[in-house]
Amino acid sequence: MPRSPLLRIHDMLESIKGIEQAIRGKSYRDYQRSWVLRSALERGIEVISEASRHLGRELKAQHKEVRWKDIAGIGNILRHEYQRVDDRIIWNAVKNELPPLKEALLVLRSTLADE
């Protein structure tokens, strides 16, 4: 049975929450030095990426400021071209791109929950 958009949004928010907890008090240098931290962030981003692919265009259109195509694309790189992963890009994504994504997802969740 396919997961609903509301459940996909939940998955994405749970991954964001986990990433936020993992990086709390951590620096980029900490991230670079920790295989466990790098792997955890990459896995969280993979889940976010995959779940985003299952949100309909109409939902994504409500938040055009979110870089949906890039979110979907980064998962492919992490899964299939892992040797090309750039630590700086991942770190910048979790520090700069996740907060606006989280806000958009919270709005979408609220909208869907009211339906």
C-alpha atoms as a PDB file:
ATOM      1  CA  MET A   1       0.000   0.000   0.000  1.00  0.00           C
ATOM      2  CA  PRO A   2       1.451   3.391  -0.983  1.00  0.00           C
ATOM      3  CA  ARG A   3       2.251   5.870   1.765  1.00  0.00           C
ATOM      4  CA  SER A   4       0.176   9.032   1.796  1.00  0.00           C
ATOM      5  CA  PRO A   5       1.731  12.467   1.270  1.00  0.00           C
ATOM      6  CA  LEU A   6       1.080  13.172   4.953  1.00  0.00           C
ATOM      7  CA  LEU A   7       3.151  10.142   5.956  1.00  0.00           C
ATOM      8  CA  ARG A   8       5.923  11.148   3.521  1.00  0.00           C
ATOM      9  CA  ILE A   9       5.996  14.593   5.101  1.00  0.00           C
ATOM     10  CA  HIS A  10       6.179  12.941   8.520  1.00  0.00           C
ATOM     11  CA  ASP A  11       9.159  10.864   7.337  1.00  0.00           C
ATOM     12  CA  MET A  12      10.899  13.991   6.083  1.00  0.00           C
ATOM     13  CA  LEU A  13      10.270  15.901   9.299  1.00  0.00           C
ATOM     14  CA  GLU A  14      11.537  12.969  11.376  1.00  0.00           C
ATOM     15  CA  SER A  15      14.739  12.892   9.327  1.00  0.00           C
ATOM     16  CA  ILE A  16      15.175  16.639   9.729  1.00  0.00           C
ATOM     17  CA  LYS A  17      14.656  16.289  13.479  1.00  0.00           C
ATOM     18  CA  GLY A  18      17.294  13.550  13.625  1.00  0.00           C
ATOM     19  CA  ILE A  19      19.748  15.629  11.601  1.00  0.00           C
ATOM     20  CA  GLU A  20      19.149  18.661  13.819  1.00  0.00           C
ATOM     21  CA  GLN A  21      19.870  16.565  16.913  1.00  0.00           C
ATOM     22  CA  ALA A  22      22.961  15.018  15.329  1.00  0.00           C
ATOM     23  CA  ILE A  23      24.561  18.366  14.444  1.00  0.00           C
ATOM     24  CA  ARG A  24      23.613  20.240  17.617  1.00  0.00           C
ATOM     25  CA  GLY A  25      26.845  21.625  19.034  1.00  0.00           C
ATOM     26  CA  LYS A  26      28.898  20.209  16.148  1.00  0.00           C
ATOM     27  CA  SER A  27      31.190  22.086  13.813  1.00  0.00           C
ATOM     28  CA  TYR A  28      32.034  21.390  10.212  1.00  0.00           C
ATOM     29  CA  ARG A  29      35.346  20.002  11.439  1.00  0.00           C
ATOM     30  CA  ASP A  30      33.499  17.586  13.763  1.00  0.00           C
ATOM     31  CA  TYR A  31      31.420  16.507  10.789  1.00  0.00           C
ATOM     32  CA  GLN A  32      34.479  15.920   8.599  1.00  0.00           C
ATOM     33  CA  ARG A  33      36.183  13.822  11.245  1.00  0.00           C
ATOM     34  CA  SER A  34      33.245  11.569  12.111  1.00  0.00           C
ATOM     35  CA  TRP A  35      32.292   8.747   9.766  1.00  0.00           C
ATOM     36  CA  VAL A  36      29.242   8.065  11.940  1.00  0.00           C
ATOM     37  CA  LEU A  37      28.025  11.675  11.755  1.00  0.00           C
ATOM     38  CA  ARG A  38      28.632  11.909   8.001  1.00  0.00           C
ATOM     39  CA  SER A  39      26.810   8.617   7.446  1.00  0.00           C
ATOM     40  CA  ALA A  40      23.880   9.627   9.645  1.00  0.00           C
ATOM     41  CA  LEU A  41      23.413  12.935   7.833  1.00  0.00           C
ATOM     42  CA  GLU A  42      23.700  11.291   4.444  1.00  0.00           C
ATOM     43  CA  ARG A  43      21.075   8.678   5.399  1.00  0.00           C
ATOM     44  CA  GLY A  44      18.736  11.374   6.675  1.00  0.00           C
ATOM     45  CA  ILE A  45      19.145  13.285   3.423  1.00  0.00           C
ATOM     46  CA  GLU A  46      18.484  10.101   1.439  1.00  0.00           C
ATOM     47  CA  VAL A  47      15.169   9.608   3.265  1.00  0.00           C
ATOM     48  CA  ILE A  48      14.217  13.249   2.707  1.00  0.00           C
ATOM     49  CA  SER A  49      15.132  12.954  -0.956  1.00  0.00           C
ATOM     50  CA  GLU A  50      13.178   9.766  -1.555  1.00  0.00           C
ATOM     51  CA  ALA A  51      10.104  10.947   0.349  1.00  0.00           C
ATOM     52  CA  SER A  52      10.121  14.236  -1.580  1.00  0.00           C
ATOM     53  CA  ARG A  53       9.817  12.329  -4.835  1.00  0.00           C
ATOM     54  CA  HIS A  54       6.428  11.055  -3.709  1.00  0.00           C
ATOM     55  CA  LEU A  55       4.880  14.431  -2.999  1.00  0.00           C
ATOM     56  CA  GLY A  56       2.636  15.591  -5.785  1.00  0.00           C
ATOM     57  CA  ARG A  57       3.364  18.560  -7.996  1.00  0.00           C
ATOM     58  CA  GLU A  58       0.415  20.423  -6.515  1.00  0.00           C
ATOM     59  CA  LEU A  59       1.924  20.184  -3.026  1.00  0.00           C
ATOM     60  CA  LYS A  60       5.361  21.224  -4.219  1.00  0.00           C
ATOM     61  CA  ALA A  61       3.868  24.134  -6.163  1.00  0.00           C
ATOM     62  CA  GLN A  62       2.641  25.599  -2.882  1.00  0.00           C
ATOM     63  CA  HIS A  63       6.287  26.137  -1.900  1.00  0.00           C
ATOM     64  CA  LYS A  64       8.225  27.171  -4.968  1.00  0.00           C
ATOM     65  CA  GLU A  65      10.998  28.567  -2.783  1.00  0.00           C
ATOM     66  CA  VAL A  66      11.995  24.994  -1.905  1.00  0.00           C
ATOM     67  CA  ARG A  67      14.554  23.481  -4.258  1.00  0.00           C
ATOM     68  CA  TRP A  68      12.538  20.284  -4.845  1.00  0.00           C
ATOM     69  CA  LYS A  69      14.552  19.184  -7.876  1.00  0.00           C
ATOM     70  CA  ASP A  70      17.831  19.516  -5.971  1.00  0.00           C
ATOM     71  CA  ILE A  71      16.375  17.618  -3.014  1.00  0.00           C
ATOM     72  CA  ALA A  72      15.428  14.727  -5.281  1.00  0.00           C
ATOM     73  CA  GLY A  73      18.782  14.866  -7.075  1.00  0.00           C
ATOM     74  CA  ILE A  74      21.019  14.773  -4.018  1.00  0.00           C
ATOM     75  CA  GLY A  75      19.577  11.398  -3.063  1.00  0.00           C
ATOM     76  CA  ASN A  76      20.703   9.972  -6.390  1.00  0.00           C
ATOM     77  CA  ILE A  77      24.214  11.225  -5.804  1.00  0.00           C
ATOM     78  CA  LEU A  78      24.321   9.770  -2.294  1.00  0.00           C
ATOM     79  CA  ARG A  79      23.043   6.399  -3.490  1.00  0.00           C
ATOM     80  CA  HIS A  80      24.722   5.998  -6.850  1.00  0.00           C
ATOM     81  CA  GLU A  81      27.661   8.376  -6.984  1.00  0.00           C
ATOM     82  CA  TYR A  82      28.742   8.314  -3.350  1.00  0.00           C
ATOM     83  CA  GLN A  83      32.383   8.815  -4.333  1.00  0.00           C
ATOM     84  CA  ARG A  84      31.435  12.309  -5.561  1.00  0.00           C
ATOM     85  CA  VAL A  85      29.900  13.415  -2.260  1.00  0.00           C
ATOM     86  CA  ASP A  86      31.393  16.712  -1.167  1.00  0.00           C
ATOM     87  CA  ASP A  87      31.406  17.221   2.607  1.00  0.00           C
ATOM     88  CA  ARG A  88      30.979  20.983   2.244  1.00  0.00           C
ATOM     89  CA  ILE A  89      27.846  20.580   0.103  1.00  0.00           C
ATOM     90  CA  ILE A  90      26.255  18.183   2.597  1.00  0.00           C
ATOM     91  CA  TRP A  91      27.133  20.395   5.564  1.00  0.00           C
ATOM     92  CA  ASN A  92      25.816  23.515   3.822  1.00  0.00           C
ATOM     93  CA  ALA A  93      22.643  21.665   2.856  1.00  0.00           C
ATOM     94  CA  VAL A  94      21.861  20.629   6.420  1.00  0.00           C
ATOM     95  CA  LYS A  95      22.758  24.041   7.857  1.00  0.00           C
ATOM     96  CA  ASN A  96      21.154  26.266   5.200  1.00  0.00           C
ATOM     97  CA  GLU A  97      18.617  24.283   3.173  1.00  0.00           C
ATOM     98  CA  LEU A  98      16.906  22.174   5.834  1.00  0.00           C
ATOM     99  CA  PRO A  99      15.449  25.063   7.887  1.00  0.00           C
ATOM    100  CA  PRO A 100      13.342  26.488   5.012  1.00  0.00           C
ATOM    101  CA  LEU A 101      12.379  22.961   3.937  1.00  0.00           C
ATOM    102  CA  LYS A 102      11.251  22.212   7.482  1.00  0.00           C
ATOM    103  CA  GLU A 103       9.088  25.350   7.548  1.00  0.00           C
ATOM    104  CA  ALA A 104       7.474  24.451   4.212  1.00  0.00           C
ATOM    105  CA  LEU A 105       6.818  20.890   5.376  1.00  0.00           C
ATOM    106  CA  LEU A 106       5.221  22.092   8.595  1.00  0.00           C
ATOM    107  CA  VAL A 107       2.846  24.275   6.574  1.00  0.00           C
ATOM    108  CA  LEU A 108       2.070  21.408   4.177  1.00  0.00           C
ATOM    109  CA  ARG A 109       1.459  19.045   7.091  1.00  0.00           C
ATOM    110  CA  SER A 110      -0.921  21.520   8.669  1.00  0.00           C
ATOM    111  CA  THR A 111      -2.766  21.985   5.377  1.00  0.00           C
ATOM    112  CA  LEU A 112      -3.116  18.240   4.799  1.00  0.00           C
ATOM    113  CA  ALA A 113      -4.128  17.532   8.392  1.00  0.00           C
ATOM    114  CA  ASP A 114      -6.980  20.047   8.051  1.00  0.00           C
ATOM    115  CA  GLU A 115      -8.397  18.270   5.008  1.00  0.00           C
END
